[in-house]
N, C-alpha and C. Protein backbone atom coordinates (compact mmCIF):
# COMPACT_ATOMS: atom_id res chain seq x y z
N MET A 1 -3.29 -18.85 37.65
CA MET A 1 -4.07 -19.19 36.49
C MET A 1 -3.69 -18.23 35.36
N ALA A 2 -3.37 -18.78 34.21
CA ALA A 2 -2.95 -17.97 33.07
C ALA A 2 -4.14 -17.25 32.44
N LYS A 3 -3.92 -16.03 32.07
CA LYS A 3 -4.94 -15.25 31.38
C LYS A 3 -4.90 -15.59 29.91
N THR A 4 -6.04 -15.50 29.27
CA THR A 4 -6.12 -15.69 27.84
C THR A 4 -6.32 -14.33 27.19
N LEU A 5 -5.49 -14.03 26.22
CA LEU A 5 -5.56 -12.76 25.52
C LEU A 5 -6.06 -13.01 24.11
N TYR A 6 -7.02 -12.22 23.69
CA TYR A 6 -7.52 -12.31 22.32
C TYR A 6 -7.07 -11.09 21.56
N ILE A 7 -6.45 -11.32 20.43
CA ILE A 7 -6.03 -10.20 19.60
C ILE A 7 -6.67 -10.33 18.23
N GLU A 8 -7.09 -9.21 17.69
CA GLU A 8 -7.66 -9.23 16.34
C GLU A 8 -6.53 -9.08 15.34
N ARG A 9 -6.64 -9.84 14.28
CA ARG A 9 -5.63 -9.77 13.23
C ARG A 9 -6.33 -9.58 11.91
N ARG A 10 -5.86 -8.66 11.12
CA ARG A 10 -6.47 -8.34 9.85
C ARG A 10 -6.43 -9.52 8.88
N GLU A 11 -5.34 -10.30 8.91
CA GLU A 11 -5.19 -11.39 7.96
C GLU A 11 -5.87 -12.67 8.39
N ASN A 12 -6.60 -12.65 9.50
CA ASN A 12 -7.24 -13.87 9.98
C ASN A 12 -8.18 -14.49 8.97
N MET A 13 -8.85 -13.67 8.19
CA MET A 13 -9.80 -14.23 7.25
C MET A 13 -9.10 -15.08 6.19
N THR A 14 -7.84 -14.82 5.94
CA THR A 14 -7.12 -15.59 4.93
C THR A 14 -6.07 -16.51 5.52
N TYR A 15 -6.13 -16.75 6.81
CA TYR A 15 -5.15 -17.61 7.47
C TYR A 15 -5.09 -18.99 6.81
N ASN A 16 -6.23 -19.64 6.62
CA ASN A 16 -6.25 -20.98 6.03
C ASN A 16 -5.85 -20.93 4.56
N LEU A 17 -6.27 -19.90 3.86
CA LEU A 17 -5.88 -19.76 2.45
C LEU A 17 -4.36 -19.65 2.35
N ARG A 18 -3.76 -18.82 3.18
CA ARG A 18 -2.31 -18.67 3.18
C ARG A 18 -1.62 -19.99 3.50
N ALA A 19 -2.13 -20.70 4.48
CA ALA A 19 -1.53 -21.98 4.88
C ALA A 19 -1.59 -22.99 3.74
N GLU A 20 -2.73 -23.06 3.07
CA GLU A 20 -2.87 -24.01 1.96
C GLU A 20 -2.01 -23.61 0.77
N MET A 21 -1.88 -22.32 0.53
CA MET A 21 -1.00 -21.86 -0.54
C MET A 21 0.43 -22.30 -0.26
N ALA A 22 0.88 -22.11 0.97
CA ALA A 22 2.24 -22.50 1.34
C ALA A 22 2.42 -24.02 1.24
N ARG A 23 1.44 -24.76 1.70
CA ARG A 23 1.51 -26.22 1.69
C ARG A 23 1.66 -26.76 0.28
N LEU A 24 0.96 -26.15 -0.68
CA LEU A 24 0.97 -26.63 -2.06
C LEU A 24 1.94 -25.87 -2.97
N GLY A 25 2.61 -24.84 -2.44
CA GLY A 25 3.55 -24.06 -3.23
C GLY A 25 2.89 -23.15 -4.25
N ILE A 26 1.69 -22.70 -3.95
CA ILE A 26 0.96 -21.80 -4.85
C ILE A 26 1.40 -20.36 -4.56
N LYS A 27 1.76 -19.65 -5.59
CA LYS A 27 2.25 -18.28 -5.44
C LYS A 27 1.13 -17.26 -5.63
N ASN A 28 1.37 -16.07 -5.11
CA ASN A 28 0.40 -14.98 -5.27
C ASN A 28 0.07 -14.75 -6.73
N THR A 29 1.09 -14.81 -7.60
CA THR A 29 0.85 -14.57 -9.03
C THR A 29 -0.06 -15.63 -9.64
N ASP A 30 0.04 -16.86 -9.15
CA ASP A 30 -0.83 -17.92 -9.66
C ASP A 30 -2.30 -17.57 -9.44
N ILE A 31 -2.60 -17.13 -8.22
CA ILE A 31 -3.99 -16.82 -7.90
C ILE A 31 -4.41 -15.50 -8.51
N SER A 32 -3.53 -14.50 -8.50
CA SER A 32 -3.92 -13.21 -9.09
C SER A 32 -4.23 -13.37 -10.57
N ASN A 33 -3.48 -14.22 -11.27
CA ASN A 33 -3.78 -14.48 -12.68
C ASN A 33 -5.11 -15.19 -12.84
N ALA A 34 -5.40 -16.13 -11.97
CA ALA A 34 -6.65 -16.90 -12.06
C ALA A 34 -7.88 -16.02 -11.85
N ILE A 35 -7.78 -15.04 -10.93
CA ILE A 35 -8.94 -14.19 -10.67
C ILE A 35 -8.88 -12.88 -11.45
N LYS A 36 -7.86 -12.78 -12.31
CA LYS A 36 -7.72 -11.65 -13.24
C LYS A 36 -7.61 -10.29 -12.55
N VAL A 37 -6.74 -10.26 -11.52
CA VAL A 37 -6.39 -8.99 -10.88
C VAL A 37 -4.87 -8.92 -10.85
N ASN A 38 -4.33 -7.71 -10.68
CA ASN A 38 -2.87 -7.63 -10.58
C ASN A 38 -2.42 -8.12 -9.21
N GLU A 39 -1.13 -8.37 -9.09
CA GLU A 39 -0.62 -8.96 -7.85
C GLU A 39 -0.83 -8.05 -6.64
N LYS A 40 -0.70 -6.74 -6.82
CA LYS A 40 -0.91 -5.81 -5.70
C LYS A 40 -2.35 -5.90 -5.21
N THR A 41 -3.31 -5.97 -6.12
CA THR A 41 -4.71 -6.09 -5.73
C THR A 41 -4.92 -7.39 -4.96
N PHE A 42 -4.31 -8.47 -5.43
CA PHE A 42 -4.45 -9.74 -4.71
C PHE A 42 -3.84 -9.65 -3.32
N ARG A 43 -2.67 -9.03 -3.20
CA ARG A 43 -2.05 -8.86 -1.87
C ARG A 43 -2.95 -8.05 -0.96
N ASN A 44 -3.59 -7.01 -1.50
CA ASN A 44 -4.53 -6.22 -0.69
C ASN A 44 -5.68 -7.08 -0.20
N LYS A 45 -6.18 -7.95 -1.04
CA LYS A 45 -7.26 -8.86 -0.65
C LYS A 45 -6.76 -9.85 0.40
N LEU A 46 -5.58 -10.40 0.19
CA LEU A 46 -5.00 -11.36 1.11
C LEU A 46 -4.73 -10.72 2.47
N ASN A 47 -4.39 -9.45 2.48
CA ASN A 47 -4.11 -8.74 3.73
C ASN A 47 -5.35 -8.10 4.35
N GLY A 48 -6.50 -8.29 3.74
CA GLY A 48 -7.73 -7.79 4.32
C GLY A 48 -8.01 -6.33 4.05
N LEU A 49 -7.27 -5.70 3.15
CA LEU A 49 -7.50 -4.29 2.84
C LEU A 49 -8.70 -4.10 1.93
N THR A 50 -8.92 -5.06 1.04
CA THR A 50 -10.11 -5.08 0.20
C THR A 50 -10.68 -6.50 0.23
N PRO A 51 -11.98 -6.63 0.09
CA PRO A 51 -12.58 -7.97 0.21
C PRO A 51 -12.48 -8.77 -1.09
N PHE A 52 -12.49 -10.09 -0.94
CA PHE A 52 -12.66 -10.97 -2.09
C PHE A 52 -14.13 -10.95 -2.46
N THR A 53 -14.41 -11.02 -3.74
CA THR A 53 -15.80 -11.19 -4.16
C THR A 53 -16.13 -12.67 -4.09
N PHE A 54 -17.41 -12.99 -4.04
CA PHE A 54 -17.81 -14.39 -3.99
C PHE A 54 -17.33 -15.14 -5.23
N PRO A 55 -17.49 -14.57 -6.43
CA PRO A 55 -16.96 -15.28 -7.62
C PRO A 55 -15.44 -15.53 -7.53
N GLU A 56 -14.69 -14.59 -6.97
CA GLU A 56 -13.25 -14.80 -6.80
C GLU A 56 -12.96 -15.96 -5.87
N THR A 57 -13.70 -16.05 -4.78
CA THR A 57 -13.47 -17.16 -3.84
C THR A 57 -13.76 -18.50 -4.51
N LYS A 58 -14.81 -18.54 -5.33
CA LYS A 58 -15.13 -19.79 -6.03
C LYS A 58 -14.06 -20.16 -7.05
N ILE A 59 -13.54 -19.19 -7.78
CA ILE A 59 -12.47 -19.45 -8.75
C ILE A 59 -11.23 -19.99 -8.03
N ILE A 60 -10.87 -19.36 -6.92
CA ILE A 60 -9.70 -19.79 -6.16
C ILE A 60 -9.88 -21.23 -5.68
N ARG A 61 -11.01 -21.49 -5.08
CA ARG A 61 -11.27 -22.85 -4.58
C ARG A 61 -11.31 -23.86 -5.72
N ASP A 62 -12.07 -23.57 -6.77
CA ASP A 62 -12.23 -24.53 -7.86
C ASP A 62 -10.93 -24.79 -8.63
N THR A 63 -10.10 -23.76 -8.76
CA THR A 63 -8.87 -23.88 -9.53
C THR A 63 -7.74 -24.53 -8.74
N PHE A 64 -7.62 -24.19 -7.46
CA PHE A 64 -6.44 -24.61 -6.70
C PHE A 64 -6.74 -25.58 -5.55
N PHE A 65 -7.94 -25.53 -5.01
CA PHE A 65 -8.24 -26.28 -3.80
C PHE A 65 -9.59 -26.99 -3.90
N ALA A 66 -9.81 -27.72 -4.99
CA ALA A 66 -11.12 -28.31 -5.27
C ALA A 66 -11.61 -29.23 -4.16
N GLU A 67 -10.68 -29.83 -3.42
CA GLU A 67 -11.09 -30.76 -2.36
C GLU A 67 -11.47 -30.06 -1.06
N LEU A 68 -11.27 -28.75 -0.98
CA LEU A 68 -11.54 -28.01 0.26
C LEU A 68 -12.83 -27.21 0.15
N LYS A 69 -13.40 -26.90 1.29
CA LYS A 69 -14.63 -26.11 1.33
C LYS A 69 -14.30 -24.62 1.38
N LEU A 70 -15.18 -23.83 0.75
CA LEU A 70 -15.01 -22.38 0.81
C LEU A 70 -14.98 -21.88 2.24
N GLU A 71 -15.85 -22.45 3.07
CA GLU A 71 -15.94 -22.02 4.47
C GLU A 71 -14.61 -22.20 5.19
N TYR A 72 -13.89 -23.25 4.85
CA TYR A 72 -12.58 -23.48 5.46
C TYR A 72 -11.55 -22.48 4.93
N LEU A 73 -11.46 -22.36 3.61
CA LEU A 73 -10.45 -21.48 3.01
C LEU A 73 -10.59 -20.04 3.44
N PHE A 74 -11.82 -19.58 3.57
CA PHE A 74 -12.06 -18.17 3.88
C PHE A 74 -12.72 -18.02 5.25
N GLU A 75 -12.37 -18.92 6.15
CA GLU A 75 -12.92 -18.88 7.51
C GLU A 75 -12.53 -17.56 8.17
N ASN A 76 -13.49 -16.95 8.82
CA ASN A 76 -13.25 -15.69 9.50
C ASN A 76 -12.89 -15.98 10.94
N LEU A 77 -11.61 -15.97 11.23
CA LEU A 77 -11.14 -16.20 12.59
C LEU A 77 -11.02 -14.84 13.27
N GLU A 78 -12.10 -14.41 13.85
CA GLU A 78 -12.15 -13.06 14.41
C GLU A 78 -11.10 -12.83 15.47
N HIS A 79 -10.84 -13.82 16.26
CA HIS A 79 -9.84 -13.68 17.32
C HIS A 79 -8.93 -14.88 17.33
N LYS A 80 -7.68 -14.63 17.55
CA LYS A 80 -6.72 -15.73 17.69
C LYS A 80 -6.37 -15.83 19.16
N LYS A 81 -6.48 -17.04 19.68
CA LYS A 81 -6.20 -17.25 21.10
C LYS A 81 -4.69 -17.29 21.31
N VAL A 82 -4.21 -16.51 22.24
CA VAL A 82 -2.79 -16.46 22.56
C VAL A 82 -2.62 -16.68 24.04
N ARG A 83 -1.69 -17.49 24.41
CA ARG A 83 -1.42 -17.71 25.85
C ARG A 83 -0.13 -17.05 26.25
């Protein structure tokens, strides 16, 4: 019987955001400009080093992903299942 290993990943909170950005061809600079932060600050947020504010999450969703829910874009996937 195979064991299931759970690993924590810092970028899990932005996994769906990253996927949707890639799917639509949205660049880091596009979002950093929309939320009025420099690109390094946005990368820190994307990598989980600093948190997104609620207003930032709403701007990102409303500007780039209006058809998606905030809960989906910023879903907190605490553990990723690996086999």
